[in-house]
Amino acid sequence: MQTQFQLKQQRWLLTIVAEDYRASRSIAANCPHFVGDDEDEQVDDVTRSCVNCAYRRWLTDGIECTALAT
């Protein structure tokens, strides 16, 4: 799973483009940390997707996974 993330300035950043929902779903399908965010915060139609995770944080240069920081 860590191949889909890159540690950059002490943040685990998703290495895919945010609009690549298929890749985001694939990563989330195998993620033991996934927790669905509030419905009004979700952007993908499929719930189990990194972009819909409560642990994701939108950054100007990508998406951070705060679950991996612990």
C-alpha atoms as a PDB file:
ATOM      1  CA  MET A   1       0.000   0.000   0.000  1.00  0.00           C
ATOM      2  CA  GLN A   2       2.836   2.399   0.705  1.00  0.00           C
ATOM      3  CA  THR A   3       3.734   2.418  -3.000  1.00  0.00           C
ATOM      4  CA  GLN A   4       0.590   4.504  -3.574  1.00  0.00           C
ATOM      5  CA  PHE A   5       1.802   7.069  -1.027  1.00  0.00           C
ATOM      6  CA  GLN A   6       4.927   9.168  -0.794  1.00  0.00           C
ATOM      7  CA  LEU A   7       6.328  10.681   2.404  1.00  0.00           C
ATOM      8  CA  LYS A   8       6.934  14.330   1.638  1.00  0.00           C
ATOM      9  CA  GLN A   9       7.637  16.960   4.318  1.00  0.00           C
ATOM     10  CA  GLN A  10       6.332  14.567   6.997  1.00  0.00           C
ATOM     11  CA  ARG A  11       3.035  14.023   5.150  1.00  0.00           C
ATOM     12  CA  TRP A  12       1.888  10.847   3.405  1.00  0.00           C
ATOM     13  CA  LEU A  13       0.682  12.061   0.002  1.00  0.00           C
ATOM     14  CA  LEU A  14      -1.372   9.994  -2.399  1.00  0.00           C
ATOM     15  CA  THR A  15       0.620   9.490  -5.600  1.00  0.00           C
ATOM     16  CA  ILE A  16      -2.390   9.445  -7.922  1.00  0.00           C
ATOM     17  CA  VAL A  17      -4.263  12.343  -9.473  1.00  0.00           C
ATOM     18  CA  ALA A  18      -7.270  13.265  -7.310  1.00  0.00           C
ATOM     19  CA  GLU A  19      -9.662  12.759 -10.225  1.00  0.00           C
ATOM     20  CA  ASP A  20      -8.479   9.166 -10.775  1.00  0.00           C
ATOM     21  CA  TYR A  21     -11.392   7.647  -8.884  1.00  0.00           C
ATOM     22  CA  ARG A  22     -10.727   4.131 -10.164  1.00  0.00           C
ATOM     23  CA  ALA A  23      -7.254   4.117  -8.596  1.00  0.00           C
ATOM     24  CA  SER A  24      -8.600   5.766  -5.449  1.00  0.00           C
ATOM     25  CA  ARG A  25     -11.203   3.013  -5.090  1.00  0.00           C
ATOM     26  CA  SER A  26      -8.623   0.292  -5.647  1.00  0.00           C
ATOM     27  CA  ILE A  27      -6.341   1.665  -2.936  1.00  0.00           C
ATOM     28  CA  ALA A  28      -9.213   2.099  -0.464  1.00  0.00           C
ATOM     29  CA  ALA A  29     -10.449  -1.441  -1.110  1.00  0.00           C
ATOM     30  CA  ASN A  30      -7.243  -2.762   0.464  1.00  0.00           C
ATOM     31  CA  CYS A  31      -6.846  -0.117   3.153  1.00  0.00           C
ATOM     32  CA  PRO A  32      -7.295  -1.240   6.788  1.00  0.00           C
ATOM     33  CA  HIS A  33      -7.641   2.415   7.890  1.00  0.00           C
ATOM     34  CA  PHE A  34     -10.557   3.414   5.640  1.00  0.00           C
ATOM     35  CA  VAL A  35     -13.444   5.192   7.349  1.00  0.00           C
ATOM     36  CA  GLY A  36     -16.094   6.830   5.206  1.00  0.00           C
ATOM     37  CA  ASP A  37     -16.352  10.589   5.631  1.00  0.00           C
ATOM     38  CA  ASP A  38     -19.649  12.429   6.097  1.00  0.00           C
ATOM     39  CA  GLU A  39     -21.789  12.058   2.987  1.00  0.00           C
ATOM     40  CA  ASP A  40     -21.685  15.787   2.244  1.00  0.00           C
ATOM     41  CA  GLU A  41     -17.849  15.623   2.197  1.00  0.00           C
ATOM     42  CA  GLN A  42     -17.689  12.757  -0.322  1.00  0.00           C
ATOM     43  CA  VAL A  43     -16.813  13.445  -3.949  1.00  0.00           C
ATOM     44  CA  ASP A  44     -16.799   9.943  -5.470  1.00  0.00           C
ATOM     45  CA  ASP A  45     -20.081   8.107  -6.147  1.00  0.00           C
ATOM     46  CA  VAL A  46     -18.554   4.921  -4.696  1.00  0.00           C
ATOM     47  CA  THR A  47     -18.220   5.267  -0.927  1.00  0.00           C
ATOM     48  CA  ARG A  48     -15.048   3.181  -0.437  1.00  0.00           C
ATOM     49  CA  SER A  49     -12.568   5.503  -2.140  1.00  0.00           C
ATOM     50  CA  CYS A  50      -9.559   7.385  -0.759  1.00  0.00           C
ATOM     51  CA  VAL A  51     -11.130  10.681  -1.781  1.00  0.00           C
ATOM     52  CA  ASN A  52     -14.133   9.818   0.435  1.00  0.00           C
ATOM     53  CA  CYS A  53     -12.121   8.775   3.499  1.00  0.00           C
ATOM     54  CA  ALA A  54     -12.391  10.646   6.791  1.00  0.00           C
ATOM     55  CA  TYR A  55      -8.580  10.443   7.063  1.00  0.00           C
ATOM     56  CA  ARG A  56      -7.876  12.256   3.791  1.00  0.00           C
ATOM     57  CA  ARG A  57      -6.971  15.911   3.744  1.00  0.00           C
ATOM     58  CA  TRP A  58      -7.080  17.995   0.586  1.00  0.00           C
ATOM     59  CA  LEU A  59      -3.888  19.989   0.030  1.00  0.00           C
ATOM     60  CA  THR A  60      -2.973  22.405  -2.729  1.00  0.00           C
ATOM     61  CA  ASP A  61      -0.412  19.885  -4.015  1.00  0.00           C
ATOM     62  CA  GLY A  62      -2.323  16.638  -3.462  1.00  0.00           C
ATOM     63  CA  ILE A  63      -4.163  14.476  -0.960  1.00  0.00           C
ATOM     64  CA  GLU A  64      -2.730  13.581   2.440  1.00  0.00           C
ATOM     65  CA  CYS A  65      -3.563  10.398   4.360  1.00  0.00           C
ATOM     66  CA  THR A  66      -3.495  11.274   8.064  1.00  0.00           C
ATOM     67  CA  ALA A  67      -4.078   7.622   9.074  1.00  0.00           C
ATOM     68  CA  LEU A  68      -0.588   6.682   7.889  1.00  0.00           C
ATOM     69  CA  ALA A  69       0.985   9.367  10.064  1.00  0.00           C
ATOM     70  CA  THR A  70       0.096   7.511  13.253  1.00  0.00           C
END
